[in-house]
């Protein structure tokens, strides 16, 4: 058996490191200008921590928005903790980097997508939600079979 360079995993680690660096900067200095983030993550990840009512409502994945109101952003080696507001109810979350499926900053049309082969097969028939997101409410992301994140769904 010959050894091969696993470019896919190396790229995913580098992209997750980029997310960590961005969040580190935001934790230290706040969100600059009109920057804001839509972060979709796997709620069933064994290290993800969220309120039971959120994991019950979003058993596979959810998208959170970090924009106008967030608190207690604590960026770590394996993931980050943040408190977000869901309908006037502050809820702490812990999101491991390897649970992140998409990271989008629509203010500068930047997006990352992490997709495994099994994800595309498992989520093809998931219901689509076209309700515009806001920072009080999580939103299911749509179109799991695309290789590129479409920023049109995040435009106001």
Protein backbone atom coordinates (compact mmCIF):
# COMPACT_ATOMS: atom_id res chain seq x y z
CA UNK A 1 0.00 0.00 0.00
CA UNK A 2 1.40 3.39 -0.96
CA UNK A 3 1.14 6.47 1.20
CA UNK A 4 -0.91 9.39 -0.14
CA UNK A 5 -1.32 13.00 0.88
CA UNK A 6 -4.87 13.55 2.13
CA UNK A 7 -5.47 16.98 0.62
CA UNK A 8 -9.18 16.95 1.49
CA UNK A 9 -8.61 16.60 5.24
CA UNK A 10 -5.68 19.02 5.15
CA UNK A 11 -7.88 21.62 3.44
CA UNK A 12 -10.73 21.10 5.94
CA UNK A 13 -8.34 21.59 8.87
CA UNK A 14 -6.96 24.75 7.28
CA UNK A 15 -10.46 26.15 6.65
CA UNK A 16 -11.53 25.37 10.23
CA UNK A 17 -8.35 27.12 11.41
CA UNK A 18 -9.41 30.16 9.38
CA UNK A 19 -12.80 30.14 11.18
CA UNK A 20 -11.02 29.94 14.52
CA UNK A 21 -8.76 32.88 13.61
CA UNK A 22 -11.75 34.99 12.52
CA UNK A 23 -13.66 34.17 15.72
CA UNK A 24 -10.56 34.90 17.84
CA UNK A 25 -10.39 38.36 16.28
CA UNK A 26 -14.12 38.96 16.84
CA UNK A 27 -13.82 37.84 20.48
CA UNK A 28 -10.97 40.30 21.02
CA UNK A 29 -12.25 43.29 19.03
CA UNK A 30 -15.90 42.72 18.04
CA UNK A 31 -17.45 42.44 14.61
CA UNK A 32 -16.05 45.09 12.25
CA UNK A 33 -18.38 47.10 10.00
CA UNK A 34 -21.26 45.13 8.53
CA UNK A 35 -19.61 41.72 8.96
CA UNK A 36 -21.86 38.98 10.33
CA UNK A 37 -21.89 35.19 10.18
CA UNK A 38 -24.34 32.44 9.32
CA UNK A 39 -22.97 29.25 10.85
CA UNK A 40 -24.66 25.92 10.12
CA UNK A 41 -23.61 23.06 12.36
CA UNK A 42 -24.50 19.45 13.14
CA UNK A 43 -26.63 19.52 16.30
CA UNK A 44 -26.18 15.77 16.76
CA UNK A 45 -22.37 16.06 16.98
CA UNK A 46 -21.34 14.35 20.25
CA UNK A 47 -19.45 17.43 21.50
CA UNK A 48 -22.05 20.05 20.49
CA UNK A 49 -23.82 21.61 23.47
CA UNK A 50 -27.19 23.33 23.13
CA UNK A 51 -30.47 23.55 25.02
CA UNK A 52 -32.70 20.48 24.79
CA UNK A 53 -35.50 22.48 23.16
CA UNK A 54 -33.10 23.57 20.38
CA UNK A 55 -31.76 20.07 19.76
CA UNK A 56 -35.36 18.75 19.74
CA UNK A 57 -36.41 21.42 17.23
CA UNK A 58 -33.28 20.98 15.09
CA UNK A 59 -32.25 17.32 15.48
CA UNK A 60 -29.86 17.29 12.50
CA UNK A 61 -28.53 20.77 11.96
CA UNK A 62 -29.28 24.40 12.55
CA UNK A 63 -28.02 27.74 11.33
CA UNK A 64 -27.24 30.46 13.83
CA UNK A 65 -26.55 34.10 13.10
CA UNK A 66 -23.86 36.11 14.85
CA UNK A 67 -24.68 39.72 14.11
CA UNK A 68 -26.39 42.26 16.36
CA UNK A 69 -26.48 40.43 19.66
CA UNK A 70 -24.15 37.73 20.92
CA UNK A 71 -22.30 37.40 24.18
CA UNK A 72 -19.63 35.35 25.96
CA UNK A 73 -17.76 34.39 22.78
CA UNK A 74 -15.03 32.03 23.97
CA UNK A 75 -12.84 30.59 21.22
CA UNK A 76 -10.99 27.36 22.00
CA UNK A 77 -8.81 24.76 20.32
CA UNK A 78 -11.63 22.37 19.36
CA UNK A 79 -14.62 24.71 19.15
CA UNK A 80 -16.21 27.88 20.44
CA UNK A 81 -18.85 28.84 22.99
CA UNK A 82 -21.26 31.72 22.46
CA UNK A 83 -24.53 32.92 23.94
CA UNK A 84 -27.17 33.85 21.36
CA UNK A 85 -30.64 35.30 21.72
CA UNK A 86 -33.55 33.09 20.63
CA UNK A 87 -36.83 35.02 20.97
CA UNK A 88 -35.61 37.10 23.93
CA UNK A 89 -34.17 34.01 25.59
CA UNK A 90 -30.35 33.96 25.82
CA UNK A 91 -29.05 30.43 25.20
CA UNK A 92 -25.43 29.28 25.52
CA UNK A 93 -24.08 27.07 22.72
CA UNK A 94 -20.85 25.16 22.25
CA UNK A 95 -20.06 24.48 18.59
CA UNK A 96 -17.11 22.18 17.78
CA UNK A 97 -15.27 23.26 14.64
CA UNK A 98 -15.65 19.80 13.14
CA UNK A 99 -19.46 20.06 13.50
CA UNK A 100 -19.58 23.14 11.24
CA UNK A 101 -21.15 22.49 7.85
CA UNK A 102 -21.15 26.04 6.48
CA UNK A 103 -19.66 29.35 7.54
CA UNK A 104 -20.84 32.40 5.59
CA UNK A 105 -20.16 36.11 5.90
CA UNK A 106 -22.63 37.58 3.39
CA UNK A 107 -21.36 41.14 3.92
CA UNK A 108 -18.28 40.27 1.85
CA UNK A 109 -19.73 37.31 -0.09
CA UNK A 110 -17.46 34.82 1.66
CA UNK A 111 -18.48 31.25 2.39
CA UNK A 112 -17.06 27.88 3.32
CA UNK A 113 -18.82 24.52 3.01
CA UNK A 114 -17.74 21.27 4.64
CA UNK A 115 -19.41 18.23 3.14
CA UNK A 116 -18.84 14.53 3.45
CA UNK A 117 -20.04 11.98 0.91
CA UNK A 118 -22.59 10.49 3.32
CA UNK A 119 -24.07 13.92 4.15
CA UNK A 120 -25.26 14.51 0.61
CA UNK A 121 -27.01 11.13 0.50
CA UNK A 122 -28.63 11.49 3.94
CA UNK A 123 -29.99 15.00 3.43
CA UNK A 124 -31.28 14.99 -0.15
CA UNK A 125 -34.90 14.86 0.91
CA UNK A 126 -34.72 17.37 3.80
CA UNK A 127 -37.43 20.01 3.70
CA UNK A 128 -36.36 23.46 2.51
CA UNK A 129 -37.06 26.58 4.63
CA UNK A 130 -36.99 29.87 2.73
CA UNK A 131 -37.80 32.07 5.74
CA UNK A 132 -35.21 34.86 5.99
CA UNK A 133 -32.84 34.29 8.92
CA UNK A 134 -32.35 36.70 11.79
CA UNK A 135 -30.24 36.65 14.91
CA UNK A 136 -33.12 35.67 17.18
CA UNK A 137 -34.03 32.48 15.36
CA UNK A 138 -32.15 29.49 13.95
CA UNK A 139 -32.87 28.43 10.40
CA UNK A 140 -32.40 25.20 8.53
CA UNK A 141 -30.07 25.58 5.60
CA UNK A 142 -31.15 24.47 2.15
CA UNK A 143 -29.72 22.67 -0.91
CA UNK A 144 -27.34 20.17 0.68
CA UNK A 145 -26.17 18.72 -2.63
CA UNK A 146 -24.38 21.89 -3.85
CA UNK A 147 -20.62 22.18 -3.68
CA UNK A 148 -20.72 25.96 -3.35
CA UNK A 149 -22.74 28.01 -0.88
CA UNK A 150 -25.20 30.25 -2.70
CA UNK A 151 -25.14 33.67 -1.09
CA UNK A 152 -28.46 34.68 -2.70
CA UNK A 153 -30.41 33.01 0.13
CA UNK A 154 -28.62 35.25 2.66
CA UNK A 155 -29.16 38.58 0.88
CA UNK A 156 -31.73 41.00 2.28
